[in-house]
Amino acid sequence: MQDSYIVAGIFIASLMTYLTRVLPFVFFRKKEPSSLVRYIERNMPVMIMVVLVFYALKDVKSIAALDRSAPGGAAGMLFNEIAGALFNTDSKALLSGYIYGLGGRDLLKSDIANLYKELQANVEAGKLLTQQQQFIGVRGPKLSFL
């Protein structure tokens, strides 16, 4: 007797779960989504990412923007985007840009460790101790600009 109640309960719960998943497709299969729904489905992932990135950066003391190229010798694109986003905010984060991977070179763990050491030194000094844009992993002397 007890087992039949358990089996019946599982069956009813499974049936209700299935119906709540299937019925919207049955009733709304021919209906076109509204322009608001289309707008949300098109832009929601970007909106969520923007909120998450800025929430993560709100209390940061130092930011390193890692770019794969310096287009036309200018600062990297990610560096420019972050600098522009932080321009009219109360954030006093120290922003430095790093260009890596030039000539197909790999970004090594030692490069990342050195980058973190530089960021920590900048935070402790309260200002940038190096150039604002630097190259990682290039041959020869350490290169930088800005």
C-alpha atoms as a PDB file:
ATOM      1  CA  MET A   1       0.000   0.000   0.000  1.00  0.00           C
ATOM      2  CA  GLN A   2       2.775   2.444   0.936  1.00  0.00           C
ATOM      3  CA  ASP A   3       4.756   1.691  -2.238  1.00  0.00           C
ATOM      4  CA  SER A   4       1.786   2.405  -4.480  1.00  0.00           C
ATOM      5  CA  TYR A   5       1.427   5.909  -2.954  1.00  0.00           C
ATOM      6  CA  ILE A   6       5.114   6.608  -3.613  1.00  0.00           C
ATOM      7  CA  VAL A   7       4.884   5.389  -7.212  1.00  0.00           C
ATOM      8  CA  ALA A   8       1.688   7.385  -7.780  1.00  0.00           C
ATOM      9  CA  GLY A   9       3.277  10.507  -6.285  1.00  0.00           C
ATOM     10  CA  ILE A  10       6.351  10.174  -8.515  1.00  0.00           C
ATOM     11  CA  PHE A  11       4.141   9.597 -11.570  1.00  0.00           C
ATOM     12  CA  ILE A  12       1.954  12.633 -10.853  1.00  0.00           C
ATOM     13  CA  ALA A  13       4.962  14.881 -10.161  1.00  0.00           C
ATOM     14  CA  SER A  14       6.637  13.695 -13.384  1.00  0.00           C
ATOM     15  CA  LEU A  15       3.473  14.266 -15.398  1.00  0.00           C
ATOM     16  CA  MET A  16       2.995  17.784 -14.006  1.00  0.00           C
ATOM     17  CA  THR A  17       6.640  18.660 -14.693  1.00  0.00           C
ATOM     18  CA  TYR A  18       6.341  17.382 -18.251  1.00  0.00           C
ATOM     19  CA  LEU A  19       3.098  19.286 -18.863  1.00  0.00           C
ATOM     20  CA  THR A  20       4.490  22.580 -17.565  1.00  0.00           C
ATOM     21  CA  ARG A  21       7.383  22.196 -20.013  1.00  0.00           C
ATOM     22  CA  VAL A  22       5.303  21.159 -23.052  1.00  0.00           C
ATOM     23  CA  LEU A  23       2.091  23.189 -22.786  1.00  0.00           C
ATOM     24  CA  PRO A  24       3.662  26.619 -23.526  1.00  0.00           C
ATOM     25  CA  PHE A  25       5.037  25.222 -26.791  1.00  0.00           C
ATOM     26  CA  VAL A  26       1.655  23.775 -27.697  1.00  0.00           C
ATOM     27  CA  PHE A  27      -0.308  26.957 -26.980  1.00  0.00           C
ATOM     28  CA  PHE A  28       2.171  29.551 -28.268  1.00  0.00           C
ATOM     29  CA  ARG A  29       3.829  27.800 -31.215  1.00  0.00           C
ATOM     30  CA  LYS A  30       2.270  30.064 -33.861  1.00  0.00           C
ATOM     31  CA  LYS A  31       2.447  33.315 -31.934  1.00  0.00           C
ATOM     32  CA  GLU A  32       5.231  35.730 -32.918  1.00  0.00           C
ATOM     33  CA  PRO A  33       7.235  37.183 -30.018  1.00  0.00           C
ATOM     34  CA  SER A  34       6.739  40.877 -29.345  1.00  0.00           C
ATOM     35  CA  SER A  35       9.386  43.454 -30.180  1.00  0.00           C
ATOM     36  CA  LEU A  36      10.190  43.765 -26.456  1.00  0.00           C
ATOM     37  CA  VAL A  37      10.886  40.035 -26.172  1.00  0.00           C
ATOM     38  CA  ARG A  38      13.074  40.175 -29.297  1.00  0.00           C
ATOM     39  CA  TYR A  39      14.985  43.157 -27.891  1.00  0.00           C
ATOM     40  CA  ILE A  40      15.564  41.390 -24.565  1.00  0.00           C
ATOM     41  CA  GLU A  41      16.702  38.122 -26.145  1.00  0.00           C
ATOM     42  CA  ARG A  42      19.092  40.019 -28.409  1.00  0.00           C
ATOM     43  CA  ASN A  43      20.632  42.305 -25.750  1.00  0.00           C
ATOM     44  CA  MET A  44      20.302  40.493 -22.418  1.00  0.00           C
ATOM     45  CA  PRO A  45      23.630  38.589 -22.569  1.00  0.00           C
ATOM     46  CA  VAL A  46      25.543  41.826 -23.188  1.00  0.00           C
ATOM     47  CA  MET A  47      23.648  43.659 -20.443  1.00  0.00           C
ATOM     48  CA  ILE A  48      24.381  40.913 -17.931  1.00  0.00           C
ATOM     49  CA  MET A  49      28.078  40.874 -18.850  1.00  0.00           C
ATOM     50  CA  VAL A  50      28.361  44.669 -18.463  1.00  0.00           C
ATOM     51  CA  VAL A  51      26.744  44.561 -15.028  1.00  0.00           C
ATOM     52  CA  LEU A  52      28.955  41.671 -13.896  1.00  0.00           C
ATOM     53  CA  VAL A  53      32.169  43.276 -15.147  1.00  0.00           C
ATOM     54  CA  PHE A  54      31.500  46.641 -13.532  1.00  0.00           C
ATOM     55  CA  TYR A  55      30.343  45.029 -10.303  1.00  0.00           C
ATOM     56  CA  ALA A  56      33.567  43.008 -10.224  1.00  0.00           C
ATOM     57  CA  LEU A  57      35.662  46.139 -10.846  1.00  0.00           C
ATOM     58  CA  LYS A  58      33.989  48.428  -8.298  1.00  0.00           C
ATOM     59  CA  ASP A  59      36.518  48.006  -5.459  1.00  0.00           C
ATOM     60  CA  VAL A  60      39.586  47.131  -7.507  1.00  0.00           C
ATOM     61  CA  LYS A  61      42.752  49.094  -6.814  1.00  0.00           C
ATOM     62  CA  SER A  62      44.703  48.151  -9.941  1.00  0.00           C
ATOM     63  CA  ILE A  63      43.645  46.834 -13.348  1.00  0.00           C
ATOM     64  CA  ALA A  64      45.777  45.214 -16.042  1.00  0.00           C
ATOM     65  CA  ALA A  65      44.306  45.145 -19.549  1.00  0.00           C
ATOM     66  CA  LEU A  66      45.859  42.336 -21.592  1.00  0.00           C
ATOM     67  CA  ASP A  67      45.649  42.883 -25.351  1.00  0.00           C
ATOM     68  CA  ARG A  68      46.931  40.671 -28.178  1.00  0.00           C
ATOM     69  CA  SER A  69      47.819  43.612 -30.422  1.00  0.00           C
ATOM     70  CA  ALA A  70      48.535  47.317 -30.488  1.00  0.00           C
ATOM     71  CA  PRO A  71      46.632  48.452 -33.593  1.00  0.00           C
ATOM     72  CA  GLY A  72      48.648  51.031 -35.483  1.00  0.00           C
ATOM     73  CA  GLY A  73      51.000  51.449 -32.530  1.00  0.00           C
ATOM     74  CA  ALA A  74      48.195  52.791 -30.350  1.00  0.00           C
ATOM     75  CA  ALA A  75      47.109  51.441 -26.991  1.00  0.00           C
ATOM     76  CA  GLY A  76      45.296  48.109 -27.051  1.00  0.00           C
ATOM     77  CA  MET A  77      41.546  48.027 -27.636  1.00  0.00           C
ATOM     78  CA  LEU A  78      40.647  46.497 -24.262  1.00  0.00           C
ATOM     79  CA  PHE A  79      42.800  49.106 -22.515  1.00  0.00           C
ATOM     80  CA  ASN A  80      40.982  51.902 -24.388  1.00  0.00           C
ATOM     81  CA  GLU A  81      37.559  50.454 -23.561  1.00  0.00           C
ATOM     82  CA  ILE A  82      38.314  50.090 -19.849  1.00  0.00           C
ATOM     83  CA  ALA A  83      39.888  53.562 -19.679  1.00  0.00           C
ATOM     84  CA  GLY A  84      36.826  55.051 -21.353  1.00  0.00           C
ATOM     85  CA  ALA A  85      34.440  53.173 -19.062  1.00  0.00           C
ATOM     86  CA  LEU A  86      36.290  54.326 -15.931  1.00  0.00           C
ATOM     87  CA  PHE A  87      36.728  57.927 -17.087  1.00  0.00           C
ATOM     88  CA  ASN A  88      33.621  59.474 -15.496  1.00  0.00           C
ATOM     89  CA  THR A  89      33.432  57.215 -12.449  1.00  0.00           C
ATOM     90  CA  ASP A  90      34.610  57.604  -8.880  1.00  0.00           C
ATOM     91  CA  SER A  91      36.971  54.653  -9.328  1.00  0.00           C
ATOM     92  CA  LYS A  92      40.592  55.490  -8.612  1.00  0.00           C
ATOM     93  CA  ALA A  93      41.905  52.207  -9.980  1.00  0.00           C
ATOM     94  CA  LEU A  94      45.375  52.286 -11.492  1.00  0.00           C
ATOM     95  CA  LEU A  95      45.059  51.134 -15.104  1.00  0.00           C
ATOM     96  CA  SER A  96      47.952  49.671 -17.039  1.00  0.00           C
ATOM     97  CA  GLY A  97      47.932  47.920 -20.379  1.00  0.00           C
ATOM     98  CA  TYR A  98      49.988  44.986 -21.545  1.00  0.00           C
ATOM     99  CA  ILE A  99      50.452  43.787 -25.120  1.00  0.00           C
ATOM    100  CA  TYR A 100      51.313  40.077 -25.320  1.00  0.00           C
ATOM    101  CA  GLY A 101      51.562  37.335 -27.919  1.00  0.00           C
ATOM    102  CA  LEU A 102      53.311  39.383 -30.604  1.00  0.00           C
ATOM    103  CA  GLY A 103      54.965  37.199 -33.214  1.00  0.00           C
ATOM    104  CA  GLY A 104      52.987  34.188 -32.005  1.00  0.00           C
ATOM    105  CA  ARG A 105      54.758  34.064 -28.657  1.00  0.00           C
ATOM    106  CA  ASP A 106      53.033  32.425 -25.706  1.00  0.00           C
ATOM    107  CA  LEU A 107      52.013  34.142 -22.494  1.00  0.00           C
ATOM    108  CA  LEU A 108      53.834  32.214 -19.785  1.00  0.00           C
ATOM    109  CA  LYS A 109      52.987  31.672 -16.126  1.00  0.00           C
ATOM    110  CA  SER A 110      56.122  33.602 -15.208  1.00  0.00           C
ATOM    111  CA  ASP A 111      54.827  36.564 -17.256  1.00  0.00           C
ATOM    112  CA  ILE A 112      51.546  36.527 -15.317  1.00  0.00           C
ATOM    113  CA  ALA A 113      53.426  36.257 -11.997  1.00  0.00           C
ATOM    114  CA  ASN A 114      55.586  39.265 -12.914  1.00  0.00           C
ATOM    115  CA  LEU A 115      52.482  41.168 -13.969  1.00  0.00           C
ATOM    116  CA  TYR A 116      50.863  40.558 -10.566  1.00  0.00           C
ATOM    117  CA  LYS A 117      54.041  41.698  -8.821  1.00  0.00           C
ATOM    118  CA  GLU A 118      54.011  44.927 -10.848  1.00  0.00           C
ATOM    119  CA  LEU A 119      50.332  45.502 -10.029  1.00  0.00           C
ATOM    120  CA  GLN A 120      50.965  44.943  -6.318  1.00  0.00           C
ATOM    121  CA  ALA A 121      53.920  47.355  -6.383  1.00  0.00           C
ATOM    122  CA  ASN A 122      51.724  49.961  -8.105  1.00  0.00           C
ATOM    123  CA  VAL A 123      49.034  49.567  -5.431  1.00  0.00           C
ATOM    124  CA  GLU A 124      51.559  49.875  -2.606  1.00  0.00           C
ATOM    125  CA  ALA A 125      53.081  53.007  -4.178  1.00  0.00           C
ATOM    126  CA  GLY A 126      49.665  54.504  -4.981  1.00  0.00           C
ATOM    127  CA  LYS A 127      50.742  55.323  -8.540  1.00  0.00           C
ATOM    128  CA  LEU A 128      52.002  53.640 -11.694  1.00  0.00           C
ATOM    129  CA  LEU A 129      55.685  52.806 -11.342  1.00  0.00           C
ATOM    130  CA  THR A 130      56.003  51.676 -14.964  1.00  0.00           C
ATOM    131  CA  GLN A 131      54.842  52.984 -18.314  1.00  0.00           C
ATOM    132  CA  GLN A 132      51.121  52.792 -18.908  1.00  0.00           C
ATOM    133  CA  GLN A 133      51.480  50.428 -21.902  1.00  0.00           C
ATOM    134  CA  GLN A 134      54.056  47.628 -21.927  1.00  0.00           C
ATOM    135  CA  PHE A 135      54.940  44.647 -24.069  1.00  0.00           C
ATOM    136  CA  ILE A 136      55.218  41.160 -22.582  1.00  0.00           C
ATOM    137  CA  GLY A 137      57.364  38.408 -24.054  1.00  0.00           C
ATOM    138  CA  VAL A 138      59.197  40.334 -26.756  1.00  0.00           C
ATOM    139  CA  ARG A 139      62.886  39.729 -27.423  1.00  0.00           C
ATOM    140  CA  GLY A 140      65.436  42.269 -26.344  1.00  0.00           C
ATOM    141  CA  PRO A 141      65.014  45.066 -23.813  1.00  0.00           C
ATOM    142  CA  LYS A 142      61.696  45.699 -22.104  1.00  0.00           C
ATOM    143  CA  LEU A 143      59.545  47.880 -24.363  1.00  0.00           C
ATOM    144  CA  SER A 144      56.820  50.302 -23.313  1.00  0.00           C
ATOM    145  CA  PHE A 145      55.045  53.459 -24.394  1.00  0.00           C
ATOM    146  CA  LEU A 146      52.533  56.062 -23.160  1.00  0.00           C
END
